[in-house]
Amino acid sequence: ALFGVSGPWAMRNYLKERGDQTVLILHAKVAQKSYGNEKR
């Protein structure tokens, strides 16, 4: 419901508060994968 109220702002706030750590972890995993593939 919150997403519909403020649109992108709500999304950004939600991602910033809740997603920072998760995004970092996911990014690290993805980066590691691509790095490994490229290095091979």
PDB file of N, CA and C in Angstrom:
ATOM      1  N   ALA A   1       0.840  -1.200   0.000  1.00  0.00           N
ATOM      2  CA  ALA A   1       0.000   0.000   0.000  1.00  0.00           C
ATOM      3  C   ALA A   1       0.875   1.250   0.000  1.00  0.00           C
ATOM      4  N   LEU A   2       1.972   1.186   0.709  1.00  0.00           N
ATOM      5  CA  LEU A   2       2.845   2.360   0.812  1.00  0.00           C
ATOM      6  C   LEU A   2       3.415   2.726  -0.554  1.00  0.00           C
ATOM      7  N   PHE A   3       3.692   1.722  -1.370  1.00  0.00           N
ATOM      8  CA  PHE A   3       4.306   1.999  -2.667  1.00  0.00           C
ATOM      9  C   PHE A   3       3.404   2.879  -3.514  1.00  0.00           C
ATOM     10  N   GLY A   4       2.091   2.629  -3.440  1.00  0.00           N
ATOM     11  CA  GLY A   4       1.157   3.396  -4.252  1.00  0.00           C
ATOM     12  C   GLY A   4       1.051   4.837  -3.789  1.00  0.00           C
ATOM     13  N   VAL A   5       1.327   5.097  -2.514  1.00  0.00           N
ATOM     14  CA  VAL A   5       1.108   6.442  -1.973  1.00  0.00           C
ATOM     15  C   VAL A   5       2.149   7.404  -2.530  1.00  0.00           C
ATOM     16  N   SER A   6       3.418   7.105  -2.337  1.00  0.00           N
ATOM     17  CA  SER A   6       4.464   8.066  -2.682  1.00  0.00           C
ATOM     18  C   SER A   6       5.229   7.661  -3.928  1.00  0.00           C
ATOM     19  N   GLY A   7       4.889   6.536  -4.508  1.00  0.00           N
ATOM     20  CA  GLY A   7       5.549   6.129  -5.734  1.00  0.00           C
ATOM     21  C   GLY A   7       7.028   5.859  -5.518  1.00  0.00           C
ATOM     22  N   PRO A   8       7.850   6.385  -6.412  1.00  0.00           N
ATOM     23  CA  PRO A   8       9.295   6.101  -6.386  1.00  0.00           C
ATOM     24  C   PRO A   8       9.927   6.467  -5.054  1.00  0.00           C
ATOM     25  N   TRP A   9       9.432   7.538  -4.423  1.00  0.00           N
ATOM     26  CA  TRP A   9      10.037   7.959  -3.155  1.00  0.00           C
ATOM     27  C   TRP A   9       9.923   6.862  -2.116  1.00  0.00           C
ATOM     28  N   ALA A  10       8.709   6.272  -2.019  1.00  0.00           N
ATOM     29  CA  ALA A  10       8.503   5.197  -1.045  1.00  0.00           C
ATOM     30  C   ALA A  10       9.434   4.035  -1.369  1.00  0.00           C
ATOM     31  N   MET A  11       9.529   3.730  -2.652  1.00  0.00           N
ATOM     32  CA  MET A  11      10.376   2.616  -3.064  1.00  0.00           C
ATOM     33  C   MET A  11      11.815   2.884  -2.659  1.00  0.00           C
ATOM     34  N   ARG A  12      12.290   4.101  -2.936  1.00  0.00           N
ATOM     35  CA  ARG A  12      13.679   4.429  -2.620  1.00  0.00           C
ATOM     36  C   ARG A  12      13.917   4.351  -1.125  1.00  0.00           C
ATOM     37  N   ASN A  13      12.982   4.920  -0.351  1.00  0.00           N
ATOM     38  CA  ASN A  13      13.126   4.883   1.096  1.00  0.00           C
ATOM     39  C   ASN A  13      13.181   3.446   1.580  1.00  0.00           C
ATOM     40  N   TYR A  14      12.268   2.627   1.071  1.00  0.00           N
ATOM     41  CA  TYR A  14      12.193   1.228   1.481  1.00  0.00           C
ATOM     42  C   TYR A  14      13.503   0.527   1.149  1.00  0.00           C
ATOM     43  N   LEU A  15      13.986   0.740  -0.057  1.00  0.00           N
ATOM     44  CA  LEU A  15      15.217   0.070  -0.464  1.00  0.00           C
ATOM     45  C   LEU A  15      16.379   0.542   0.397  1.00  0.00           C
ATOM     46  N   LYS A  16      16.413   1.851   0.663  1.00  0.00           N
ATOM     47  CA  LYS A  16      17.534   2.395   1.423  1.00  0.00           C
ATOM     48  C   LYS A  16      17.537   1.827   2.838  1.00  0.00           C
ATOM     49  N   GLU A  17      16.353   1.832   3.477  1.00  0.00           N
ATOM     50  CA  GLU A  17      16.301   1.385   4.873  1.00  0.00           C
ATOM     51  C   GLU A  17      16.531  -0.113   4.957  1.00  0.00           C
ATOM     52  N   ARG A  18      15.782  -0.855   4.113  1.00  0.00           N
ATOM     53  CA  ARG A  18      15.711  -2.287   4.291  1.00  0.00           C
ATOM     54  C   ARG A  18      16.737  -3.014   3.434  1.00  0.00           C
ATOM     55  N   GLY A  19      17.056  -2.424   2.258  1.00  0.00           N
ATOM     56  CA  GLY A  19      17.799  -3.195   1.270  1.00  0.00           C
ATOM     57  C   GLY A  19      19.301  -3.004   1.282  1.00  0.00           C
ATOM     58  N   ASP A  20      19.794  -1.969   1.951  1.00  0.00           N
ATOM     59  CA  ASP A  20      21.223  -1.670   1.854  1.00  0.00           C
ATOM     60  C   ASP A  20      22.070  -2.912   2.074  1.00  0.00           C
ATOM     61  N   GLN A  21      21.862  -3.574   3.214  1.00  0.00           N
ATOM     62  CA  GLN A  21      22.703  -4.724   3.527  1.00  0.00           C
ATOM     63  C   GLN A  21      22.477  -5.841   2.523  1.00  0.00           C
ATOM     64  N   THR A  22      21.208  -6.115   2.232  1.00  0.00           N
ATOM     65  CA  THR A  22      20.900  -7.202   1.303  1.00  0.00           C
ATOM     66  C   THR A  22      21.508  -6.922  -0.061  1.00  0.00           C
ATOM     67  N   VAL A  23      21.371  -5.683  -0.519  1.00  0.00           N
ATOM     68  CA  VAL A  23      21.909  -5.323  -1.833  1.00  0.00           C
ATOM     69  C   VAL A  23      23.417  -5.509  -1.837  1.00  0.00           C
ATOM     70  N   LEU A  24      24.075  -5.080  -0.763  1.00  0.00           N
ATOM     71  CA  LEU A  24      25.524  -5.230  -0.685  1.00  0.00           C
ATOM     72  C   LEU A  24      25.902  -6.692  -0.798  1.00  0.00           C
ATOM     73  N   ILE A  25      25.196  -7.544  -0.053  1.00  0.00           N
ATOM     74  CA  ILE A  25      25.513  -8.974  -0.069  1.00  0.00           C
ATOM     75  C   ILE A  25      25.287  -9.540  -1.463  1.00  0.00           C
ATOM     76  N   LEU A  26      24.116  -9.226  -2.039  1.00  0.00           N
ATOM     77  CA  LEU A  26      23.803  -9.747  -3.369  1.00  0.00           C
ATOM     78  C   LEU A  26      24.832  -9.252  -4.375  1.00  0.00           C
ATOM     79  N   HIS A  27      25.174  -7.982  -4.308  1.00  0.00           N
ATOM     80  CA  HIS A  27      26.127  -7.404  -5.243  1.00  0.00           C
ATOM     81  C   HIS A  27      27.473  -8.103  -5.109  1.00  0.00           C
ATOM     82  N   ALA A  28      27.883  -8.343  -3.857  1.00  0.00           N
ATOM     83  CA  ALA A  28      29.159  -9.020  -3.627  1.00  0.00           C
ATOM     84  C   ALA A  28      29.134 -10.401  -4.277  1.00  0.00           C
ATOM     85  N   LYS A  29      28.022 -11.117  -4.091  1.00  0.00           N
ATOM     86  CA  LYS A  29      27.925 -12.469  -4.669  1.00  0.00           C
ATOM     87  C   LYS A  29      28.006 -12.397  -6.184  1.00  0.00           C
ATOM     88  N   VAL A  30      27.221 -11.484  -6.774  1.00  0.00           N
ATOM     89  CA  VAL A  30      27.202 -11.371  -8.233  1.00  0.00           C
ATOM     90  C   VAL A  30      28.577 -10.965  -8.748  1.00  0.00           C
ATOM     91  N   ALA A  31      29.187  -9.985  -8.090  1.00  0.00           N
ATOM     92  CA  ALA A  31      30.501  -9.511  -8.517  1.00  0.00           C
ATOM     93  C   ALA A  31      31.502 -10.658  -8.442  1.00  0.00           C
ATOM     94  N   GLN A  32      31.435 -11.428  -7.355  1.00  0.00           N
ATOM     95  CA  GLN A  32      32.352 -12.551  -7.203  1.00  0.00           C
ATOM     96  C   GLN A  32      32.166 -13.526  -8.362  1.00  0.00           C
ATOM     97  N   LYS A  33      30.898 -13.792  -8.704  1.00  0.00           N
ATOM     98  CA  LYS A  33      30.611 -14.759  -9.763  1.00  0.00           C
ATOM     99  C   LYS A  33      31.183 -14.268 -11.087  1.00  0.00           C
ATOM    100  N   SER A  34      30.868 -13.016 -11.452  1.00  0.00           N
ATOM    101  CA  SER A  34      31.336 -12.506 -12.739  1.00  0.00           C
ATOM    102  C   SER A  34      32.858 -12.451 -12.740  1.00  0.00           C
ATOM    103  N   TYR A  35      33.448 -12.046 -11.628  1.00  0.00           N
ATOM    104  CA  TYR A  35      34.905 -11.949 -11.545  1.00  0.00           C
ATOM    105  C   TYR A  35      35.525 -13.319 -11.764  1.00  0.00           C
ATOM    106  N   GLY A  36      34.945 -14.326 -11.098  1.00  0.00           N
ATOM    107  CA  GLY A  36      35.463 -15.687 -11.255  1.00  0.00           C
ATOM    108  C   GLY A  36      35.341 -16.148 -12.700  1.00  0.00           C
ATOM    109  N   ASN A  37      34.211 -15.877 -13.316  1.00  0.00           N
ATOM    110  CA  ASN A  37      34.013 -16.309 -14.698  1.00  0.00           C
ATOM    111  C   ASN A  37      35.001 -15.607 -15.624  1.00  0.00           C
ATOM    112  N   GLU A  38      35.208 -14.317 -15.397  1.00  0.00           N
ATOM    113  CA  GLU A  38      36.100 -13.565 -16.278  1.00  0.00           C
ATOM    114  C   GLU A  38      37.535 -14.030 -16.093  1.00  0.00           C
ATOM    115  N   LYS A  39      37.916 -14.267 -14.846  1.00  0.00           N
ATOM    116  CA  LYS A  39      39.306 -14.619 -14.571  1.00  0.00           C
ATOM    117  C   LYS A  39      39.635 -15.966 -15.206  1.00  0.00           C
ATOM    118  N   ARG A  40      38.633 -16.869 -15.226  1.00  0.00           N
ATOM    119  CA  ARG A  40      38.887 -18.174 -15.816  1.00  0.00           C
ATOM    120  C   ARG A  40      39.267 -17.978 -17.291  1.00  0.00           C
TER     121      ARG A  40
END
